[in-house]
Protein backbone atom coordinates (compact mmCIF):
# COMPACT_ATOMS: atom_id res chain seq x y z
CA GLU A 1 14.92 17.02 -1.23
CA ILE A 2 13.04 14.87 -3.75
CA ILE A 3 11.72 12.60 -0.98
CA SER A 4 10.57 15.59 1.05
CA GLN A 5 8.78 17.10 -1.96
CA ALA A 6 7.19 13.77 -2.85
CA ILE A 7 5.88 13.32 0.70
CA ASP A 8 4.48 16.86 0.68
CA ARG A 9 2.78 16.30 -2.70
CA HIS A 10 1.46 12.95 -1.52
CA PHE A 11 -0.28 14.46 1.48
CA GLU A 12 -1.63 17.40 -0.54
CA ALA A 13 -3.30 14.89 -2.87
CA GLU A 14 -4.28 12.57 -0.02
CA GLU A 15 -6.03 15.30 1.95
CA ARG A 16 -7.89 16.43 -1.17
CA ASN A 17 -8.86 12.85 -2.12
CA PHE A 18 -9.89 11.91 1.41
CA MET A 19 -11.89 15.05 2.25
CA ARG A 20 -13.50 15.54 -1.17
CA THR A 21 -14.56 19.04 -0.11
CA GLU A 22 -15.75 19.88 -3.63
CA SER A 23 -18.66 17.50 -2.97
CA ASP A 24 -19.41 18.65 0.57
CA GLY A 25 -17.71 15.48 1.80
CA LYS A 26 -20.39 13.25 0.27
CA ALA A 27 -18.30 11.71 -2.51
CA PRO A 28 -16.42 8.50 -1.71
CA ARG A 29 -12.86 8.87 -0.50
CA VAL A 30 -10.09 7.98 -2.92
CA LYS A 31 -6.99 6.20 -1.65
CA THR A 32 -3.84 8.03 -2.71
CA LEU A 33 -0.71 6.07 -3.58
CA SER A 34 2.82 7.25 -4.27
CA LEU A 35 5.44 5.36 -6.22
CA PHE A 36 9.21 5.75 -5.76
CA PHE A 37 11.70 4.43 -8.28
CA ILE A 38 15.08 3.75 -6.67
CA ASP A 39 18.53 2.58 -7.80
CA SER A 40 19.48 0.14 -5.08
CA ILE A 41 17.48 -2.53 -3.29
CA ALA A 42 20.09 -2.48 -0.51
CA SER A 43 19.17 1.14 0.18
CA PHE A 44 15.61 -0.04 0.85
CA ARG A 45 16.20 -3.44 2.46
CA GLY A 46 19.22 -3.95 4.63
CA PRO A 47 20.68 -7.33 5.60
CA ASP A 48 18.75 -9.72 7.87
CA HIS A 49 15.37 -7.95 7.60
CA THR A 50 16.74 -4.56 8.56
CA LYS A 51 15.83 -1.33 6.83
CA GLY A 52 18.24 0.20 4.39
CA TRP A 53 19.40 3.80 4.76
CA LEU A 54 16.80 5.07 2.25
CA ALA A 55 13.91 3.34 4.06
CA GLN A 56 15.10 4.74 7.38
CA HIS A 57 15.44 8.24 5.94
CA PHE A 58 12.02 7.97 4.29
CA GLU A 59 10.43 6.82 7.56
CA ASP A 60 11.97 9.69 9.51
CA MET A 61 10.67 12.25 7.01
CA LEU A 62 7.27 10.56 6.83
CA ARG A 63 6.95 10.44 10.62
CA GLN A 64 7.76 14.15 10.84
CA LYS A 65 5.15 15.02 8.19
CA ILE A 66 2.46 12.88 9.82
CA ASN A 67 3.13 14.44 13.22
CA SER A 68 2.68 17.91 11.71
CA LEU A 69 -0.60 16.84 10.09
CA ILE A 70 -1.83 15.32 13.35
CA ALA A 71 -1.14 18.65 15.06
CA LYS A 72 -3.07 20.42 12.28
CA TYR A 73 -6.16 18.19 12.65
CA LYS A 74 -6.04 17.73 16.43
CA LEU A 75 -8.79 20.27 17.19
CA THR A 76 -10.96 19.38 14.23
CA VAL A 77 -14.72 19.05 14.45
CA GLU A 78 -15.72 17.90 10.96
CA ASP A 79 -16.45 14.17 10.60
CA ARG A 80 -14.18 13.54 7.60
CA GLU A 81 -11.37 15.46 9.28
CA LYS A 82 -11.78 13.39 12.45
CA GLU A 83 -11.69 10.25 10.34
CA TYR A 84 -8.57 11.47 8.53
CA LEU A 85 -6.94 12.22 11.88
CA ASP A 86 -7.68 8.62 12.92
CA PHE A 87 -6.13 7.39 9.64
CA LEU A 88 -2.99 9.46 10.29
CA ARG A 89 -2.70 8.15 13.85
CA ALA A 90 -3.09 4.57 12.58
CA THR A 91 -0.32 5.27 10.08
CA LEU A 92 1.98 6.48 12.83
CA ARG A 93 1.20 3.36 14.90
CA ASP A 94 1.93 1.13 11.91
CA LEU A 95 5.28 2.83 11.36
CA LYS A 96 6.30 1.82 14.89
CA LYS A 97 5.54 -1.89 14.38
CA ASP A 98 8.22 -4.43 13.51
CA LYS A 99 6.26 -5.42 10.42
CA GLN A 100 5.22 -2.01 9.29
CA GLU A 101 2.41 -1.68 6.76
CA VAL A 102 2.74 1.89 5.50
CA TYR A 103 5.13 1.26 2.60
CA ALA A 104 6.37 -1.72 0.65
CA GLY A 105 8.76 -2.61 -2.10
CA TYR A 106 8.69 -4.81 -5.18
CA PHE A 107 11.88 -5.62 -7.05
CA SER A 108 12.46 -8.05 -9.90
CA GLU A 109 14.98 -9.85 -7.67
CA ASP A 110 12.07 -10.70 -5.37
CA ARG A 111 10.66 -13.19 -7.85
CA GLY A 112 11.35 -16.63 -6.51
CA SER A 113 12.67 -15.35 -3.21
CA GLY A 114 12.23 -17.88 -0.44
CA ASP A 115 11.65 -15.11 2.10
CA GLU A 116 8.00 -15.33 3.20
CA ALA A 117 7.78 -11.71 4.35
CA ILE A 118 9.11 -10.43 1.02
CA GLN A 119 6.77 -12.72 -0.93
CA ALA A 120 3.76 -11.53 1.09
CA GLU A 121 4.70 -7.91 0.39
CA VAL A 122 5.17 -8.59 -3.33
CA ASN A 123 1.87 -10.48 -3.59
CA ASP A 124 0.08 -7.65 -1.81
CA ILE A 125 1.42 -5.12 -4.33
CA LEU A 126 1.00 -7.19 -7.48
CA LYS A 127 -2.10 -9.25 -6.82
CA ASN A 128 -4.20 -7.52 -4.19
CA LYS A 129 -5.25 -4.27 -5.83
CA GLU A 130 -8.56 -4.18 -3.95
CA ARG A 131 -6.76 -4.18 -0.60
CA LEU A 132 -4.24 -1.61 -1.82
CA LEU A 133 -7.10 0.73 -2.79
CA SER A 134 -9.12 0.14 0.39
CA PHE A 135 -8.97 2.27 3.52
CA LYS A 136 -10.17 -0.45 5.88
CA ASP A 137 -10.15 -4.23 6.04
CA LYS A 138 -13.20 -6.39 6.66
CA ASP A 139 -12.74 -5.96 10.43
CA GLY A 140 -12.70 -2.16 10.21
CA ASN A 141 -8.94 -1.76 10.72
CA TRP A 142 -7.15 0.91 8.72
CA ILE A 143 -5.04 -0.25 5.77
CA THR A 144 -2.26 2.32 5.85
CA ARG A 145 -0.07 1.12 2.96
CA ARG A 146 0.20 3.85 0.34
CA PHE A 147 3.87 4.23 -0.54
CA LEU A 148 5.46 1.79 -2.98
CA PHE A 149 9.12 1.40 -3.92
CA SER A 150 10.47 -0.28 -7.03
CA LYS A 151 13.74 -0.39 -8.92
CA TRP A 152 12.39 -0.37 -12.44
CA THR A 153 8.83 -0.24 -13.67
CA LEU A 154 7.28 -3.00 -11.63
CA ARG A 155 5.88 -5.76 -13.75
CA GLU A 156 4.49 -5.58 -17.26
CA GLY A 157 0.79 -4.98 -17.00
CA TRP A 158 0.96 -3.59 -13.45
CA ASP A 159 -0.66 -0.27 -13.12
CA ASN A 160 -2.64 1.44 -10.48
CA PRO A 161 -4.82 4.42 -11.29
CA ASN A 162 -4.52 5.75 -7.75
CA VAL A 163 -0.83 6.61 -8.11
CA PHE A 164 -0.88 10.39 -7.77
CA VAL A 165 2.82 10.97 -7.05
CA ILE A 166 5.84 9.44 -8.75
CA ALA A 167 9.30 10.17 -7.40
CA LYS A 168 12.26 9.09 -9.46
CA LEU A 169 15.22 8.58 -7.14
CA ARG A 170 17.22 6.59 -9.64
CA THR A 171 19.42 7.47 -12.57
CA SER A 172 17.64 8.00 -15.84
CA GLY A 173 17.23 5.05 -18.12
CA SER A 174 16.09 4.84 -21.71
CA GLU A 175 13.27 6.96 -23.10
CA ILE A 176 10.98 3.91 -22.99
CA SER A 177 11.86 3.32 -19.33
CA LYS A 178 11.05 6.94 -18.48
CA ILE A 179 7.71 6.73 -20.29
CA GLN A 180 6.82 3.46 -18.53
CA GLU A 181 7.67 4.90 -15.11
CA VAL A 182 5.63 8.07 -15.63
CA GLY A 183 2.83 6.02 -17.19
CA ARG A 184 2.25 4.29 -13.85
CA GLY A 185 0.60 7.47 -12.62
CA LEU A 186 -1.15 8.89 -15.67
CA ARG A 187 -4.40 6.98 -15.39
CA LEU A 188 -7.66 8.26 -13.95
CA PRO A 189 -8.23 7.24 -10.32
CA VAL A 190 -10.77 4.55 -9.52
């Protein structure tokens, strides 16, 4: 239920931040990110580069939501809506790839991991904020990553002002931990 609500809230914010209707569509789009705090890395990453049960469940729910949004925007005529429809379709395509790009995880256990794919994902989250906030790469391809998973509070000093949704799927920790987790999404967007 929490995942479903988080996905719904994500797309409510994403549509608003992409369309920017309050400015007649002239304001720059704002990339919307969502952050999920989870208990178990194994629920996210299964053995031998497989997806854990949580990642699979998340993908199924995300795919269903995107398909409903694609149906909603299918007959659109407005330029920003057409562009958003293209972004949604690119997201769906990326979900079908072996190396999907729509969501990623960072866990403290990843530090020093010899797994190149995991290290690339971690570096993208921690060190490549410009890419994370961009809609397209230098070649004009959509950058569809906008869902991040972590076990604790990411790394000290990591924050991203474009986190609009935080879903806590883990047991509660200390008061400081709760404040740090919520604090990841209380900044003004870029």
